[in-house]
Amino acid sequence: MAPLPDGFSYAEWNATYNALSFGIAAMGSATIFFWLQLPNVTKNYRTALTITGIVTLIATYHYIRIFNSWSEAFTVASKDGGDYTVQLTGAPFNDGYRYVDWLLTVPLLLIELILVMKLPQQETVSLSWKLGLASALMVALGYPGEIQEDLSVRWFWWCLSMIPFCYVVFTLAVGLAEATSKQPSPAAASLASAARYLTVLSWCTYPFVYMVKSVGLAGPAATMYEQVGYSLADVLAKAVFGVLIWAIAAEKSAVEESGKLLPN
C-alpha cells in the first residue's frame, strides 16, 4: 500500500474510477450468469462452472473494496460550475486487495480450465497442483516489487515472478495442445483452444502493466495506466475467460446428451 502521488487531473481520476466501476459490473454480471447456467450443463462440468462463478464472485468483492478505497482517497469537487478539481484526502489507497484477489483466483482459473477439458483423473490432479502452485508463487513473488519505489528492486521481483509465469504460459500454449485436440467435437476443441490462448494473451498483459512504473513513468499518469490496465486484463482473464469455460461445458454437455439419445 504505497502513498498516492498528488496532482491528479480529473481525467486521470475519472479514468481509474470508470475502470474500477466496469470491473465491478463485469465480474458481478458474470457471476450471476455462470451460476444461472449450472442446470444447463451435465454433472461432469458443473464443478468447473461453479469454480468459474466463485472466481468472478471473489473478484467482484475485491473490486468493490478497491473502488471504495479509491473513492475515499480523493475529494472531487466543482466550484461554481467550473472544472472539477481533485485533491487527496489523506486516506490510503489500498491496492493490496488486487493481490489478495489474484492469489485466490489465478490458481482457480487454471483449475477450471483443466476440469472442463475432462482429462484423465491422474493428469487432472497433477496439472491442477503444478499450475495452481506455480501461479500462486508468481503472484506472491510479484507483490514485493509492486510496493517498491526503487526500480532495481521492482525489476528483481519482476524477473523472479516471470519464472513461474513462463512455466504456466508454456504449459497452456504447448503442454495442453494434445488434450485440446482430443475434445469430443470440433467446436469443443476450438473453444478449448480459444480459452487457452485467451489466458496466455490476458496473462501477458500483466507483466507489461507491472513494468509501467519500472520504465521511468511515475506520478498520477503511471497510477492511472496501472489501474486501468489491470482492470481490463482482469475482465479478460476472468469474465471473458469464464464465458469460454461455460461455452465449452455447454458444447460438451450437448455432445454427451446427444450421444445418449442415439439408438443402440
C-alpha atoms as a PDB file:
ATOM      1  CA  MET A   1       0.000   0.000   0.000  1.00  0.00           C
ATOM      2  CA  ALA A   2       2.078   2.872  -1.371  1.00  0.00           C
ATOM      3  CA  PRO A   3       1.038   6.523  -0.932  1.00  0.00           C
ATOM      4  CA  LEU A   4      -0.702   8.074  -3.920  1.00  0.00           C
ATOM      5  CA  PRO A   5       1.065  10.884  -5.782  1.00  0.00           C
ATOM      6  CA  ASP A   6      -0.517  14.321  -5.682  1.00  0.00           C
ATOM      7  CA  GLY A   7      -1.622  16.268  -8.743  1.00  0.00           C
ATOM      8  CA  PHE A   8      -4.265  14.023 -10.300  1.00  0.00           C
ATOM      9  CA  SER A   9      -6.288  15.655 -13.057  1.00  0.00           C
ATOM     10  CA  TYR A  10      -9.996  14.936 -13.200  1.00  0.00           C
ATOM     11  CA  ALA A  11      -9.474  12.918 -16.407  1.00  0.00           C
ATOM     12  CA  GLU A  12      -6.899  10.663 -14.712  1.00  0.00           C
ATOM     13  CA  TRP A  13      -9.023  10.186 -11.614  1.00  0.00           C
ATOM     14  CA  ASN A  14     -12.155   9.543 -13.686  1.00  0.00           C
ATOM     15  CA  ALA A  15     -10.473   7.003 -15.979  1.00  0.00           C
ATOM     16  CA  THR A  16      -9.500   4.906 -12.962  1.00  0.00           C
ATOM     17  CA  TYR A  17     -12.927   5.390 -11.359  1.00  0.00           C
ATOM     18  CA  ASN A  18     -14.644   4.142 -14.529  1.00  0.00           C
ATOM     19  CA  ALA A  19     -12.261   1.207 -14.950  1.00  0.00           C
ATOM     20  CA  LEU A  20     -12.934   0.001 -11.394  1.00  0.00           C
ATOM     21  CA  SER A  21     -16.684   0.500 -11.888  1.00  0.00           C
ATOM     22  CA  PHE A  22     -16.501  -1.553 -15.079  1.00  0.00           C
ATOM     23  CA  GLY A  23     -14.656  -4.284 -13.197  1.00  0.00           C
ATOM     24  CA  ILE A  24     -17.424  -4.492 -10.588  1.00  0.00           C
ATOM     25  CA  ALA A  25     -20.186  -4.591 -13.210  1.00  0.00           C
ATOM     26  CA  ALA A  26     -18.452  -7.150 -15.426  1.00  0.00           C
ATOM     27  CA  MET A  27     -17.469  -9.515 -12.603  1.00  0.00           C
ATOM     28  CA  GLY A  28     -20.833  -9.257 -10.840  1.00  0.00           C
ATOM     29  CA  SER A  29     -22.852  -9.857 -14.014  1.00  0.00           C
ATOM     30  CA  ALA A  30     -20.628 -12.780 -14.986  1.00  0.00           C
ATOM     31  CA  THR A  31     -21.095 -14.412 -11.572  1.00  0.00           C
ATOM     32  CA  ILE A  32     -24.890 -14.317 -11.882  1.00  0.00           C
ATOM     33  CA  PHE A  33     -24.756 -15.656 -15.453  1.00  0.00           C
ATOM     34  CA  PHE A  34     -22.440 -18.582 -14.651  1.00  0.00           C
ATOM     35  CA  TRP A  35     -24.472 -19.793 -11.706  1.00  0.00           C
ATOM     36  CA  LEU A  36     -27.753 -19.456 -13.588  1.00  0.00           C
ATOM     37  CA  GLN A  37     -26.276 -21.718 -16.273  1.00  0.00           C
ATOM     38  CA  LEU A  38     -25.400 -24.547 -13.854  1.00  0.00           C
ATOM     39  CA  PRO A  39     -28.605 -26.554 -14.506  1.00  0.00           C
ATOM     40  CA  ASN A  40     -27.957 -26.361 -18.257  1.00  0.00           C
ATOM     41  CA  VAL A  41     -24.738 -28.395 -18.213  1.00  0.00           C
ATOM     42  CA  THR A  42     -24.203 -32.015 -17.222  1.00  0.00           C
ATOM     43  CA  LYS A  43     -22.783 -33.021 -13.836  1.00  0.00           C
ATOM     44  CA  ASN A  44     -19.343 -33.567 -15.377  1.00  0.00           C
ATOM     45  CA  TYR A  45     -18.911 -29.824 -15.884  1.00  0.00           C
ATOM     46  CA  ARG A  46     -20.823 -28.251 -13.019  1.00  0.00           C
ATOM     47  CA  THR A  47     -17.749 -28.150 -10.769  1.00  0.00           C
ATOM     48  CA  ALA A  48     -15.803 -26.202 -13.395  1.00  0.00           C
ATOM     49  CA  LEU A  49     -18.686 -23.769 -13.897  1.00  0.00           C
ATOM     50  CA  THR A  50     -19.161 -23.381 -10.142  1.00  0.00           C
ATOM     51  CA  ILE A  51     -15.475 -22.509  -9.749  1.00  0.00           C
ATOM     52  CA  THR A  52     -15.831 -20.021 -12.602  1.00  0.00           C
ATOM     53  CA  GLY A  53     -18.584 -18.263 -10.664  1.00  0.00           C
ATOM     54  CA  ILE A  54     -16.527 -18.346  -7.460  1.00  0.00           C
ATOM     55  CA  VAL A  55     -13.625 -16.670  -9.295  1.00  0.00           C
ATOM     56  CA  THR A  56     -15.764 -13.788 -10.519  1.00  0.00           C
ATOM     57  CA  LEU A  57     -17.518 -13.505  -7.136  1.00  0.00           C
ATOM     58  CA  ILE A  58     -14.164 -13.125  -5.368  1.00  0.00           C
ATOM     59  CA  ALA A  59     -13.135 -10.586  -7.993  1.00  0.00           C
ATOM     60  CA  THR A  60     -16.396  -8.654  -7.552  1.00  0.00           C
ATOM     61  CA  TYR A  61     -15.814  -8.374  -3.800  1.00  0.00           C
ATOM     62  CA  HIS A  62     -12.249  -7.168  -4.192  1.00  0.00           C
ATOM     63  CA  TYR A  63     -13.143  -4.709  -6.929  1.00  0.00           C
ATOM     64  CA  ILE A  64     -15.752  -3.195  -4.625  1.00  0.00           C
ATOM     65  CA  ARG A  65     -13.085  -2.828  -1.934  1.00  0.00           C
ATOM     66  CA  ILE A  66     -10.583  -1.260  -4.377  1.00  0.00           C
ATOM     67  CA  PHE A  67     -13.297   1.069  -5.739  1.00  0.00           C
ATOM     68  CA  ASN A  68     -14.293   2.202  -2.246  1.00  0.00           C
ATOM     69  CA  SER A  69     -10.648   2.742  -1.286  1.00  0.00           C
ATOM     70  CA  TRP A  70     -10.096   4.815  -4.446  1.00  0.00           C
ATOM     71  CA  SER A  71     -13.182   6.930  -3.791  1.00  0.00           C
ATOM     72  CA  GLU A  72     -12.218   7.559  -0.167  1.00  0.00           C
ATOM     73  CA  ALA A  73      -8.698   8.644  -1.155  1.00  0.00           C
ATOM     74  CA  PHE A  74      -9.932  11.699  -3.081  1.00  0.00           C
ATOM     75  CA  THR A  75     -12.220  14.678  -2.845  1.00  0.00           C
ATOM     76  CA  VAL A  76     -13.671  15.662  -6.220  1.00  0.00           C
ATOM     77  CA  ALA A  77     -15.496  18.997  -6.394  1.00  0.00           C
ATOM     78  CA  SER A  78     -16.605  21.632  -8.870  1.00  0.00           C
ATOM     79  CA  LYS A  79     -16.752  25.240  -7.702  1.00  0.00           C
ATOM     80  CA  ASP A  80     -19.452  27.425  -9.254  1.00  0.00           C
ATOM     81  CA  GLY A  81     -19.985  25.018 -12.126  1.00  0.00           C
ATOM     82  CA  GLY A  82     -16.359  25.170 -13.247  1.00  0.00           C
ATOM     83  CA  ASP A  83     -13.898  22.375 -13.907  1.00  0.00           C
ATOM     84  CA  TYR A  84     -13.651  19.553 -11.390  1.00  0.00           C
ATOM     85  CA  THR A  85     -10.699  19.603  -9.040  1.00  0.00           C
ATOM     86  CA  VAL A  86      -9.214  16.501  -7.491  1.00  0.00           C
ATOM     87  CA  GLN A  87      -7.473  16.514  -4.116  1.00  0.00           C
ATOM     88  CA  LEU A  88      -6.102  13.770  -1.892  1.00  0.00           C
ATOM     89  CA  THR A  89      -7.967  13.284   1.386  1.00  0.00           C
ATOM     90  CA  GLY A  90      -5.028  11.634   3.120  1.00  0.00           C
ATOM     91  CA  ALA A  91      -6.837   8.287   3.314  1.00  0.00           C
ATOM     92  CA  PRO A  92      -4.608   5.484   1.991  1.00  0.00           C
ATOM     93  CA  PHE A  93      -5.432   3.743  -1.269  1.00  0.00           C
ATOM     94  CA  ASN A  94      -5.156   0.020  -0.598  1.00  0.00           C
ATOM     95  CA  ASP A  95      -4.317  -1.742  -3.854  1.00  0.00           C
ATOM     96  CA  GLY A  96      -3.252  -4.805  -1.884  1.00  0.00           C
ATOM     97  CA  TYR A  97      -6.779  -6.130  -2.390  1.00  0.00           C
ATOM     98  CA  ARG A  98      -5.804  -6.815  -6.005  1.00  0.00           C
ATOM     99  CA  TYR A  99      -3.005  -9.171  -4.988  1.00  0.00           C
ATOM    100  CA  VAL A 100      -5.214 -10.966  -2.471  1.00  0.00           C
ATOM    101  CA  ASP A 101      -7.722 -11.429  -5.292  1.00  0.00           C
ATOM    102  CA  TRP A 102      -5.076 -12.809  -7.656  1.00  0.00           C
ATOM    103  CA  LEU A 103      -3.652 -15.151  -5.031  1.00  0.00           C
ATOM    104  CA  LEU A 104      -7.112 -16.725  -4.664  1.00  0.00           C
ATOM    105  CA  THR A 105      -8.425 -16.567  -8.215  1.00  0.00           C
ATOM    106  CA  VAL A 106      -5.438 -17.188 -10.504  1.00  0.00           C
ATOM    107  CA  PRO A 107      -4.927 -20.837  -9.403  1.00  0.00           C
ATOM    108  CA  LEU A 108      -8.696 -21.394  -9.651  1.00  0.00           C
ATOM    109  CA  LEU A 109      -8.727 -20.028 -13.216  1.00  0.00           C
ATOM    110  CA  LEU A 110      -6.267 -22.694 -14.299  1.00  0.00           C
ATOM    111  CA  ILE A 111      -8.041 -25.446 -12.375  1.00  0.00           C
ATOM    112  CA  GLU A 112     -11.393 -24.639 -14.005  1.00  0.00           C
ATOM    113  CA  LEU A 113      -9.806 -24.921 -17.463  1.00  0.00           C
ATOM    114  CA  ILE A 114      -8.265 -28.289 -16.597  1.00  0.00           C
ATOM    115  CA  LEU A 115     -11.563 -29.570 -15.176  1.00  0.00           C
ATOM    116  CA  VAL A 116     -13.643 -28.554 -18.174  1.00  0.00           C
ATOM    117  CA  MET A 117     -11.225 -30.338 -20.529  1.00  0.00           C
ATOM    118  CA  LYS A 118     -12.068 -33.604 -18.728  1.00  0.00           C
ATOM    119  CA  LEU A 119      -8.589 -35.093 -18.740  1.00  0.00           C
ATOM    120  CA  PRO A 120      -7.791 -38.454 -17.087  1.00  0.00           C
ATOM    121  CA  GLN A 121      -8.069 -38.132 -13.311  1.00  0.00           C
ATOM    122  CA  GLN A 122      -4.360 -38.583 -12.579  1.00  0.00           C
ATOM    123  CA  GLU A 123      -3.403 -35.950 -15.169  1.00  0.00           C
ATOM    124  CA  THR A 124      -6.107 -33.594 -13.870  1.00  0.00           C
ATOM    125  CA  VAL A 125      -4.827 -33.800 -10.292  1.00  0.00           C
ATOM    126  CA  SER A 126      -1.178 -33.468 -11.334  1.00  0.00           C
ATOM    127  CA  LEU A 127      -1.747 -30.458 -13.606  1.00  0.00           C
ATOM    128  CA  SER A 128      -4.017 -28.759 -11.077  1.00  0.00           C
ATOM    129  CA  TRP A 129      -1.351 -28.942  -8.382  1.00  0.00           C
ATOM    130  CA  LYS A 130       1.533 -27.912 -10.639  1.00  0.00           C
ATOM    131  CA  LEU A 131      -0.203 -25.000 -12.340  1.00  0.00           C
ATOM    132  CA  GLY A 132      -2.029 -23.904  -9.184  1.00  0.00           C
ATOM    133  CA  LEU A 133       1.155 -23.726  -7.111  1.00  0.00           C
ATOM    134  CA  ALA A 134       3.163 -22.102  -9.916  1.00  0.00           C
ATOM    135  CA  SER A 135       0.550 -19.389 -10.440  1.00  0.00           C
ATOM    136  CA  ALA A 136       0.281 -18.692  -6.696  1.00  0.00           C
ATOM    137  CA  LEU A 137       4.084 -18.424  -6.495  1.00  0.00           C
ATOM    138  CA  MET A 138       4.027 -15.995  -9.438  1.00  0.00           C
ATOM    139  CA  VAL A 139       1.602 -13.682  -7.643  1.00  0.00           C
ATOM    140  CA  ALA A 140       3.448 -13.945  -4.322  1.00  0.00           C
ATOM    141  CA  LEU A 141       6.761 -13.032  -5.959  1.00  0.00           C
ATOM    142  CA  GLY A 142       5.237 -10.074  -7.782  1.00  0.00           C
ATOM    143  CA  TYR A 143       3.822  -8.307  -4.734  1.00  0.00           C
ATOM    144  CA  PRO A 144       7.103  -7.260  -3.003  1.00  0.00           C
ATOM    145  CA  GLY A 145       8.143  -5.442  -6.171  1.00  0.00           C
ATOM    146  CA  GLU A 146       4.763  -3.793  -6.631  1.00  0.00           C
ATOM    147  CA  ILE A 147       5.044  -1.900  -3.363  1.00  0.00           C
ATOM    148  CA  GLN A 148       8.619  -0.736  -4.009  1.00  0.00           C
ATOM    149  CA  GLU A 149       9.646   2.626  -5.447  1.00  0.00           C
ATOM    150  CA  ASP A 150      13.231   1.511  -6.084  1.00  0.00           C
ATOM    151  CA  LEU A 151      13.307   0.482  -9.770  1.00  0.00           C
ATOM    152  CA  SER A 152      16.114  -2.047  -9.326  1.00  0.00           C
ATOM    153  CA  VAL A 153      14.097  -3.831  -6.626  1.00  0.00           C
ATOM    154  CA  ARG A 154      10.986  -3.799  -8.812  1.00  0.00           C
ATOM    155  CA  TRP A 155      12.907  -5.352 -11.680  1.00  0.00           C
ATOM    156  CA  PHE A 156      14.406  -8.009  -9.371  1.00  0.00           C
ATOM    157  CA  TRP A 157      10.994  -9.220  -8.200  1.00  0.00           C
ATOM    158  CA  TRP A 158       9.572  -8.954 -11.739  1.00  0.00           C
ATOM    159  CA  CYS A 159      12.262 -11.292 -13.011  1.00  0.00           C
ATOM    160  CA  LEU A 160      11.637 -13.782 -10.207  1.00  0.00           C
ATOM    161  CA  SER A 161       7.866 -13.811 -10.812  1.00  0.00           C
ATOM    162  CA  MET A 162       8.437 -14.370 -14.537  1.00  0.00           C
ATOM    163  CA  ILE A 163       9.969 -17.808 -13.861  1.00  0.00           C
ATOM    164  CA  PRO A 164       6.693 -19.488 -12.750  1.00  0.00           C
ATOM    165  CA  PHE A 165       4.831 -17.237 -15.216  1.00  0.00           C
ATOM    166  CA  CYS A 166       6.770 -18.664 -18.167  1.00  0.00           C
ATOM    167  CA  TYR A 167       6.199 -22.222 -16.930  1.00  0.00           C
ATOM    168  CA  VAL A 168       2.432 -21.715 -16.758  1.00  0.00           C
ATOM    169  CA  VAL A 169       2.226 -19.967 -20.146  1.00  0.00           C
ATOM    170  CA  PHE A 170       4.331 -22.685 -21.795  1.00  0.00           C
ATOM    171  CA  THR A 171       2.106 -25.396 -20.329  1.00  0.00           C
ATOM    172  CA  LEU A 172      -1.039 -23.651 -21.579  1.00  0.00           C
ATOM    173  CA  ALA A 173       0.319 -22.924 -25.041  1.00  0.00           C
ATOM    174  CA  VAL A 174       2.166 -26.195 -25.669  1.00  0.00           C
ATOM    175  CA  GLY A 175       1.555 -28.739 -22.923  1.00  0.00           C
ATOM    176  CA  LEU A 176      -2.237 -28.824 -23.327  1.00  0.00           C
ATOM    177  CA  ALA A 177      -2.246 -28.846 -27.133  1.00  0.00           C
ATOM    178  CA  GLU A 178      -2.676 -32.619 -27.395  1.00  0.00           C
ATOM    179  CA  ALA A 179      -5.510 -32.661 -24.827  1.00  0.00           C
ATOM    180  CA  THR A 180      -7.265 -29.897 -26.775  1.00  0.00           C
ATOM    181  CA  SER A 181      -7.180 -31.931 -29.977  1.00  0.00           C
ATOM    182  CA  LYS A 182      -8.912 -34.848 -28.185  1.00  0.00           C
ATOM    183  CA  GLN A 183     -12.062 -32.888 -27.318  1.00  0.00           C
ATOM    184  CA  PRO A 184     -15.301 -34.652 -28.370  1.00  0.00           C
ATOM    185  CA  SER A 185     -16.250 -32.226 -31.150  1.00  0.00           C
ATOM    186  CA  PRO A 186     -14.508 -29.695 -33.410  1.00  0.00           C
ATOM    187  CA  ALA A 187     -16.470 -26.894 -31.713  1.00  0.00           C
ATOM    188  CA  ALA A 188     -15.343 -28.019 -28.244  1.00  0.00           C
ATOM    189  CA  ALA A 189     -11.722 -28.285 -29.423  1.00  0.00           C
ATOM    190  CA  SER A 190     -11.908 -24.804 -30.963  1.00  0.00           C
ATOM    191  CA  LEU A 191     -13.363 -23.325 -27.768  1.00  0.00           C
ATOM    192  CA  ALA A 192     -10.779 -25.070 -25.575  1.00  0.00           C
ATOM    193  CA  SER A 193      -8.012 -23.723 -27.793  1.00  0.00           C
ATOM    194  CA  ALA A 194      -9.510 -20.217 -27.608  1.00  0.00           C
ATOM    195  CA  ALA A 195      -9.669 -20.444 -23.791  1.00  0.00           C
ATOM    196  CA  ARG A 196      -6.005 -21.462 -23.611  1.00  0.00           C
ATOM    197  CA  TYR A 197      -4.831 -18.674 -25.869  1.00  0.00           C
ATOM    198  CA  LEU A 198      -7.064 -16.071 -24.237  1.00  0.00           C
ATOM    199  CA  THR A 199      -5.442 -16.977 -20.921  1.00  0.00           C
ATOM    200  CA  VAL A 200      -1.985 -16.606 -22.448  1.00  0.00           C
ATOM    201  CA  LEU A 201      -2.937 -13.286 -24.086  1.00  0.00           C
ATOM    202  CA  SER A 202      -4.540 -11.780 -20.985  1.00  0.00           C
ATOM    203  CA  TRP A 203      -1.731 -13.027 -18.741  1.00  0.00           C
ATOM    204  CA  CYS A 204       0.893 -11.429 -20.968  1.00  0.00           C
ATOM    205  CA  THR A 205      -0.800  -8.090 -20.312  1.00  0.00           C
ATOM    206  CA  TYR A 206       0.037  -8.171 -16.590  1.00  0.00           C
ATOM    207  CA  PRO A 207       3.868  -8.102 -16.840  1.00  0.00           C
ATOM    208  CA  PHE A 208       3.690  -5.090 -19.170  1.00  0.00           C
ATOM    209  CA  VAL A 209       1.333  -3.206 -16.849  1.00  0.00           C
ATOM    210  CA  TYR A 210       3.610  -4.119 -13.934  1.00  0.00           C
ATOM    211  CA  MET A 211       6.512  -2.528 -15.840  1.00  0.00           C
ATOM    212  CA  VAL A 212       4.735   0.833 -16.172  1.00  0.00           C
ATOM    213  CA  LYS A 213       6.419   2.109 -13.023  1.00  0.00           C
ATOM    214  CA  SER A 214       9.656   0.308 -13.850  1.00  0.00           C
ATOM    215  CA  VAL A 215      10.402   2.195 -17.062  1.00  0.00           C
ATOM    216  CA  GLY A 216      10.529   5.648 -15.512  1.00  0.00           C
ATOM    217  CA  LEU A 217       6.851   6.579 -15.766  1.00  0.00           C
ATOM    218  CA  ALA A 218       5.675   7.990 -12.442  1.00  0.00           C
ATOM    219  CA  GLY A 219       3.079  10.184 -10.810  1.00  0.00           C
ATOM    220  CA  PRO A 220      -0.685  10.197 -11.460  1.00  0.00           C
ATOM    221  CA  ALA A 221      -0.336   9.023 -15.081  1.00  0.00           C
ATOM    222  CA  ALA A 222       1.517   5.853 -14.036  1.00  0.00           C
ATOM    223  CA  THR A 223      -1.092   5.080 -11.372  1.00  0.00           C
ATOM    224  CA  MET A 224      -3.919   5.592 -13.877  1.00  0.00           C
ATOM    225  CA  TYR A 225      -2.330   3.347 -16.542  1.00  0.00           C
ATOM    226  CA  GLU A 226      -1.650   0.676 -13.944  1.00  0.00           C
ATOM    227  CA  GLN A 227      -5.181   0.615 -12.548  1.00  0.00           C
ATOM    228  CA  VAL A 228      -6.884   0.773 -15.956  1.00  0.00           C
ATOM    229  CA  GLY A 229      -4.531  -1.857 -17.416  1.00  0.00           C
ATOM    230  CA  TYR A 230      -5.004  -4.317 -14.552  1.00  0.00           C
ATOM    231  CA  SER A 231      -8.783  -3.834 -14.595  1.00  0.00           C
ATOM    232  CA  LEU A 232      -9.107  -4.562 -18.320  1.00  0.00           C
ATOM    233  CA  ALA A 233      -6.772  -7.561 -18.053  1.00  0.00           C
ATOM    234  CA  ASP A 234      -8.819  -8.929 -15.131  1.00  0.00           C
ATOM    235  CA  VAL A 235     -12.073  -8.695 -17.073  1.00  0.00           C
ATOM    236  CA  LEU A 236     -10.499 -10.601 -19.972  1.00  0.00           C
ATOM    237  CA  ALA A 237      -8.832 -13.196 -17.738  1.00  0.00           C
ATOM    238  CA  LYS A 238     -11.884 -13.854 -15.550  1.00  0.00           C
ATOM    239  CA  ALA A 239     -15.224 -12.757 -17.012  1.00  0.00           C
ATOM    240  CA  VAL A 240     -14.495 -13.317 -20.728  1.00  0.00           C
ATOM    241  CA  PHE A 241     -12.471 -16.450 -19.990  1.00  0.00           C
ATOM    242  CA  GLY A 242     -15.367 -17.676 -17.857  1.00  0.00           C
ATOM    243  CA  VAL A 243     -17.757 -17.272 -20.788  1.00  0.00           C
ATOM    244  CA  LEU A 244     -15.487 -19.567 -22.814  1.00  0.00           C
ATOM    245  CA  ILE A 245     -15.465 -22.110 -19.973  1.00  0.00           C
ATOM    246  CA  TRP A 246     -19.277 -22.027 -19.979  1.00  0.00           C
ATOM    247  CA  ALA A 247     -19.342 -22.402 -23.780  1.00  0.00           C
ATOM    248  CA  ILE A 248     -17.037 -25.439 -23.603  1.00  0.00           C
ATOM    249  CA  ALA A 249     -19.165 -27.000 -20.858  1.00  0.00           C
ATOM    250  CA  ALA A 250     -22.372 -26.348 -22.812  1.00  0.00           C
ATOM    251  CA  GLU A 251     -20.950 -27.757 -26.046  1.00  0.00           C
ATOM    252  CA  LYS A 252     -19.559 -30.894 -24.408  1.00  0.00           C
ATOM    253  CA  SER A 253     -22.793 -31.405 -22.464  1.00  0.00           C
ATOM    254  CA  ALA A 254     -24.761 -31.214 -25.718  1.00  0.00           C
ATOM    255  CA  VAL A 255     -22.437 -33.743 -27.366  1.00  0.00           C
ATOM    256  CA  GLU A 256     -22.747 -36.132 -24.435  1.00  0.00           C
ATOM    257  CA  GLU A 257     -26.518 -35.776 -24.257  1.00  0.00           C
ATOM    258  CA  SER A 258     -26.909 -36.346 -27.997  1.00  0.00           C
ATOM    259  CA  GLY A 259     -24.807 -39.496 -27.673  1.00  0.00           C
ATOM    260  CA  LYS A 260     -27.155 -40.842 -25.020  1.00  0.00           C
ATOM    261  CA  LEU A 261     -30.129 -40.229 -27.292  1.00  0.00           C
ATOM    262  CA  LEU A 262     -28.710 -42.252 -30.193  1.00  0.00           C
ATOM    263  CA  PRO A 263     -30.308 -45.710 -30.653  1.00  0.00           C
ATOM    264  CA  ASN A 264     -28.206 -48.686 -29.595  1.00  0.00           C
END
